[in-house]
Amino acid sequence: MQQAVEHLQKEEFTEARRAFESVLVAKPKNLEARYNLALLLQKSGHGDQELELYKQNMTYGWHLPTVVNLASIHMANNRQAEAYTLLKKASKKFRNEATPRYLLAELDAAAKKISSADEWFKRALRADPLNGFAHIRYARFLAKQKRYDKALKHARRAIQLQPACSMCLNILGDIQVDKAFFSSAVASYQKSLAIAPTAATRQQLINTLHKLGEHKRAEQMQKALDAWQKHQ
């Protein structure tokens, strides 16, 4: 197993695939090996094989990363009912994990079941109060319901728990923009860019600078961004 992981880390994908397959011949119940093989095949564009491997894993036992990826495949293929059933079972199997609960919350939110979604987010945080992703996803949900004060509280908590999470900082910035806290939003986007400099975040920063009245600075940044995108 260690050899397979080392091949994967070195991006020696063919060698890694063979090593994971060898592990599974010797130990068919190795859920981690099958999960990693599925990820490897997904990167290679073998989506059908990936799905089958996740399903095989589920016949041997409950493995949270497998559940999450299998649910994601169901959702991507408009099989929301299957995803919901799988995640609900997982929420009972993994009593101290937030992930299946906040994914159930997002499925309910997408289906406009707002009260149920809110309850699942709360269950996620009760299961694991230190899960930063649960806090930031709940913050995004609350902001969509215009419950901005509570959204800000959970977004800030997410960043306390995961200070290097650029997505968390982006969501905090978006909520601050909604509340017209433009200076604070600028700071959030700048921190996000220091971690992961993306064009989308830079555009959010530029838009917010315009709202703050810093048009000259925004225009200079826009020219630089446009020039960079032209050469990509």
Protein backbone atom coordinates (compact mmCIF):
# COMPACT_ATOMS: atom_id res chain seq x y z
CA MET A 1 0.00 0.00 0.00
CA GLN A 2 2.81 2.41 0.92
CA GLN A 3 4.53 1.77 -2.41
CA ALA A 4 1.30 2.55 -4.27
CA VAL A 5 0.90 5.84 -2.38
CA GLU A 6 4.51 6.79 -3.13
CA HIS A 7 3.93 6.20 -6.87
CA LEU A 8 0.81 8.36 -6.63
CA GLN A 9 2.69 11.19 -4.90
CA LYS A 10 5.34 11.08 -7.64
CA GLU A 11 2.56 11.16 -10.29
CA GLU A 12 3.70 7.76 -11.57
CA PHE A 13 0.10 6.89 -12.36
CA THR A 14 0.56 3.62 -14.26
CA GLU A 15 2.80 2.22 -11.52
CA ALA A 16 0.38 3.45 -8.85
CA ARG A 17 -2.59 1.78 -10.58
CA ARG A 18 -0.74 -1.54 -10.80
CA ALA A 19 0.34 -1.30 -7.16
CA PHE A 20 -3.21 -0.59 -5.92
CA GLU A 21 -4.53 -3.47 -8.03
CA SER A 22 -1.91 -5.78 -6.49
CA VAL A 23 -2.96 -4.70 -3.00
CA LEU A 24 -6.58 -5.55 -3.83
CA VAL A 25 -5.68 -9.00 -5.16
CA ALA A 26 -4.01 -9.76 -1.84
CA LYS A 27 -6.52 -7.89 0.33
CA PRO A 28 -9.90 -7.46 -1.41
CA LYS A 29 -11.38 -5.77 1.68
CA ASN A 30 -8.84 -2.92 1.65
CA LEU A 31 -11.26 0.00 1.30
CA GLU A 32 -8.56 2.67 1.18
CA ALA A 33 -6.73 0.97 -1.71
CA ARG A 34 -9.93 0.62 -3.76
CA TYR A 35 -10.88 4.24 -3.02
CA ASN A 36 -7.47 5.49 -4.17
CA LEU A 37 -7.65 3.34 -7.30
CA ALA A 38 -11.07 4.87 -8.07
CA LEU A 39 -9.63 8.37 -7.70
CA LEU A 40 -6.77 7.46 -10.00
CA LEU A 41 -9.12 6.09 -12.65
CA GLN A 42 -11.32 9.19 -12.38
CA LYS A 43 -8.29 11.37 -13.15
CA SER A 44 -7.62 9.15 -16.17
CA GLY A 45 -11.17 9.61 -17.44
CA HIS A 46 -12.47 6.14 -16.56
CA GLY A 47 -15.66 7.29 -14.81
CA ASP A 48 -17.55 4.01 -15.21
CA GLN A 49 -14.80 2.02 -13.52
CA GLU A 50 -14.62 4.60 -10.74
CA LEU A 51 -18.34 4.15 -10.01
CA GLU A 52 -18.03 0.37 -9.90
CA LEU A 53 -15.10 0.54 -7.49
CA TYR A 54 -17.04 2.77 -5.11
CA LYS A 55 -19.97 0.36 -5.25
CA GLN A 56 -17.62 -2.56 -4.53
CA ASN A 57 -16.24 -0.70 -1.53
CA MET A 58 -19.75 -0.30 -0.15
CA THR A 59 -20.26 -4.07 -0.26
CA TYR A 60 -17.30 -4.51 2.10
CA GLY A 61 -18.01 -1.73 4.58
CA TRP A 62 -18.70 1.92 5.29
CA HIS A 63 -15.90 4.26 4.21
CA LEU A 64 -16.71 7.95 4.46
CA PRO A 65 -14.65 9.24 1.48
CA THR A 66 -16.25 6.52 -0.68
CA VAL A 67 -19.73 7.55 0.49
CA VAL A 68 -19.04 11.21 -0.30
CA ASN A 69 -17.70 10.52 -3.79
CA LEU A 70 -20.45 8.04 -4.61
CA ALA A 71 -23.09 10.55 -3.47
CA SER A 72 -21.40 13.22 -5.60
CA ILE A 73 -21.61 10.96 -8.67
CA HIS A 74 -25.31 10.37 -7.99
CA MET A 75 -25.91 14.13 -7.70
CA ALA A 76 -23.96 14.91 -10.86
CA ASN A 77 -26.19 12.45 -12.73
CA ASN A 78 -29.46 13.81 -11.30
CA ARG A 79 -29.94 10.86 -8.96
CA GLN A 80 -30.66 13.05 -5.95
CA ALA A 81 -32.93 10.47 -4.30
CA GLU A 82 -30.17 7.86 -4.36
CA ALA A 83 -27.66 10.35 -2.98
CA TYR A 84 -30.08 11.34 -0.21
CA THR A 85 -30.73 7.74 0.81
CA LEU A 86 -27.01 6.93 0.86
CA LEU A 87 -26.12 10.03 2.90
CA LYS A 88 -28.94 9.46 5.36
CA LYS A 89 -27.65 5.94 6.04
CA ALA A 90 -24.14 7.35 6.37
CA SER A 91 -25.31 9.91 8.93
CA LYS A 92 -26.38 6.99 11.14
CA LYS A 93 -23.16 5.04 10.57
CA PHE A 94 -20.86 8.04 11.14
CA ARG A 95 -22.34 9.63 14.24
CA ASN A 96 -19.44 12.04 14.81
CA GLU A 97 -19.00 13.18 11.22
CA ALA A 98 -20.45 16.43 9.87
CA THR A 99 -19.96 15.65 6.17
CA PRO A 100 -22.99 13.44 5.38
CA ARG A 101 -25.20 15.82 7.36
CA TYR A 102 -24.15 19.02 5.62
CA LEU A 103 -24.44 17.31 2.24
CA LEU A 104 -28.00 16.29 3.16
CA ALA A 105 -28.59 19.93 4.14
CA GLU A 106 -27.42 21.12 0.74
CA LEU A 107 -29.63 18.60 -1.05
CA ASP A 108 -32.61 19.87 0.94
CA ALA A 109 -31.65 23.48 0.26
CA ALA A 110 -31.51 22.77 -3.48
CA ALA A 111 -34.99 21.24 -3.20
CA LYS A 112 -36.22 24.41 -1.39
CA LYS A 113 -36.76 22.45 1.84
CA ILE A 114 -35.33 25.28 3.91
CA SER A 115 -36.39 24.17 7.39
CA SER A 116 -35.08 20.66 6.84
CA ALA A 117 -31.83 22.01 5.40
CA ASP A 118 -31.35 24.26 8.43
CA GLU A 119 -31.90 21.32 10.77
CA TRP A 120 -29.37 19.14 8.92
CA PHE A 121 -26.76 21.90 9.13
CA LYS A 122 -27.35 22.14 12.88
CA ARG A 123 -27.02 18.36 13.17
CA ALA A 124 -23.74 18.55 11.24
CA LEU A 125 -22.36 21.07 13.72
CA ARG A 126 -23.57 19.06 16.69
CA ALA A 127 -21.85 15.99 15.27
CA ASP A 128 -18.55 17.84 14.77
CA PRO A 129 -18.40 21.46 16.03
CA LEU A 130 -14.79 21.78 14.82
CA ASN A 131 -15.53 21.02 11.17
CA GLY A 132 -14.71 24.23 9.32
CA PHE A 133 -16.43 23.09 6.12
CA ALA A 134 -19.68 22.58 8.01
CA HIS A 135 -19.46 26.14 9.35
CA ILE A 136 -18.65 27.75 5.98
CA ARG A 137 -21.36 25.82 4.12
CA TYR A 138 -23.87 26.78 6.78
CA ALA A 139 -22.69 30.39 6.47
CA ARG A 140 -23.31 30.34 2.72
CA PHE A 141 -26.76 28.84 3.26
CA LEU A 142 -27.64 31.46 5.91
CA ALA A 143 -26.51 34.29 3.64
CA LYS A 144 -28.84 33.05 0.90
CA GLN A 145 -31.64 33.29 3.49
CA LYS A 146 -30.45 36.88 4.25
CA ARG A 147 -29.56 35.87 7.80
CA TYR A 148 -26.33 37.79 7.50
CA ASP A 149 -25.31 38.23 11.14
CA LYS A 150 -25.45 34.52 11.81
CA ALA A 151 -23.79 33.84 8.45
CA LEU A 152 -20.87 36.10 9.38
CA LYS A 153 -20.49 34.35 12.72
CA HIS A 154 -20.19 30.91 11.11
CA ALA A 155 -17.92 32.15 8.30
CA ARG A 156 -15.52 33.67 10.83
CA ARG A 157 -15.58 30.48 12.87
CA ALA A 158 -14.71 28.48 9.75
CA ILE A 159 -11.67 30.69 9.16
CA GLN A 160 -10.58 30.31 12.78
CA LEU A 161 -10.66 26.56 12.28
CA GLN A 162 -9.14 26.62 8.78
CA PRO A 163 -7.05 29.80 8.37
CA ALA A 164 -5.59 28.61 5.05
CA CYS A 165 -9.01 28.00 3.44
CA SER A 166 -9.24 30.40 0.49
CA MET A 167 -12.82 29.29 -0.27
CA CYS A 168 -13.83 30.22 3.29
CA LEU A 169 -12.32 33.68 2.89
CA ASN A 170 -14.11 34.14 -0.45
CA ILE A 171 -17.46 33.24 1.09
CA LEU A 172 -16.79 35.58 4.02
CA GLY A 173 -15.98 38.33 1.51
CA ASP A 174 -19.19 37.68 -0.42
CA ILE A 175 -21.26 37.92 2.79
CA GLN A 176 -19.46 41.14 3.76
CA VAL A 177 -20.29 42.60 0.34
CA ASP A 178 -23.96 41.69 0.85
CA LYS A 179 -23.84 43.55 4.17
CA ALA A 180 -22.06 46.51 2.50
CA PHE A 181 -18.96 45.93 4.66
CA PHE A 182 -16.79 46.71 1.65
CA SER A 183 -13.49 47.44 3.43
CA SER A 184 -13.75 44.15 5.34
CA ALA A 185 -14.59 42.31 2.11
CA VAL A 186 -11.50 43.75 0.41
CA ALA A 187 -9.36 42.42 3.26
CA SER A 188 -10.99 38.97 3.01
CA TYR A 189 -10.43 38.74 -0.76
CA GLN A 190 -6.81 39.88 -0.36
CA LYS A 191 -6.17 37.16 2.22
CA SER A 192 -7.77 34.62 -0.11
CA LEU A 193 -5.56 35.74 -3.00
CA ALA A 194 -2.46 35.37 -0.83
CA ILE A 195 -3.41 31.68 -0.39
CA ALA A 196 -4.80 30.88 -3.85
CA PRO A 197 -4.51 33.63 -6.48
CA THR A 198 -7.42 33.01 -8.86
CA ALA A 199 -8.92 35.26 -11.52
CA ALA A 200 -12.42 34.89 -10.03
CA THR A 201 -11.32 36.16 -6.61
CA ARG A 202 -9.32 38.98 -8.18
CA GLN A 203 -12.46 40.03 -10.09
CA GLN A 204 -14.47 40.02 -6.85
CA LEU A 205 -11.81 42.24 -5.29
CA ILE A 206 -11.95 44.65 -8.25
CA ASN A 207 -15.76 44.83 -8.11
CA THR A 208 -15.63 45.53 -4.38
CA LEU A 209 -13.03 48.28 -4.82
CA HIS A 210 -15.43 49.98 -7.23
CA LYS A 211 -18.17 49.79 -4.60
CA LEU A 212 -15.74 51.31 -2.12
CA GLY A 213 -15.12 54.20 -4.50
CA GLU A 214 -11.51 53.24 -5.26
CA HIS A 215 -12.08 53.38 -9.02
CA LYS A 216 -8.51 54.18 -10.10
CA ARG A 217 -7.04 51.28 -8.15
CA ALA A 218 -9.77 48.96 -9.44
CA GLU A 219 -9.19 50.03 -13.05
CA GLN A 220 -5.45 49.39 -12.77
CA MET A 221 -6.09 45.94 -11.37
CA GLN A 222 -8.67 45.25 -14.10
CA LYS A 223 -6.14 46.11 -16.82
CA ALA A 224 -3.59 43.77 -15.26
CA LEU A 225 -6.18 40.99 -14.95
CA ASP A 226 -7.39 41.44 -18.55
CA ALA A 227 -3.80 41.31 -19.83
CA TRP A 228 -3.07 38.18 -17.85
CA GLN A 229 -6.26 36.43 -19.05
CA LYS A 230 -5.50 37.32 -22.68
CA HIS A 231 -2.28 35.30 -22.50
CA GLN A 232 -3.77 32.24 -20.80
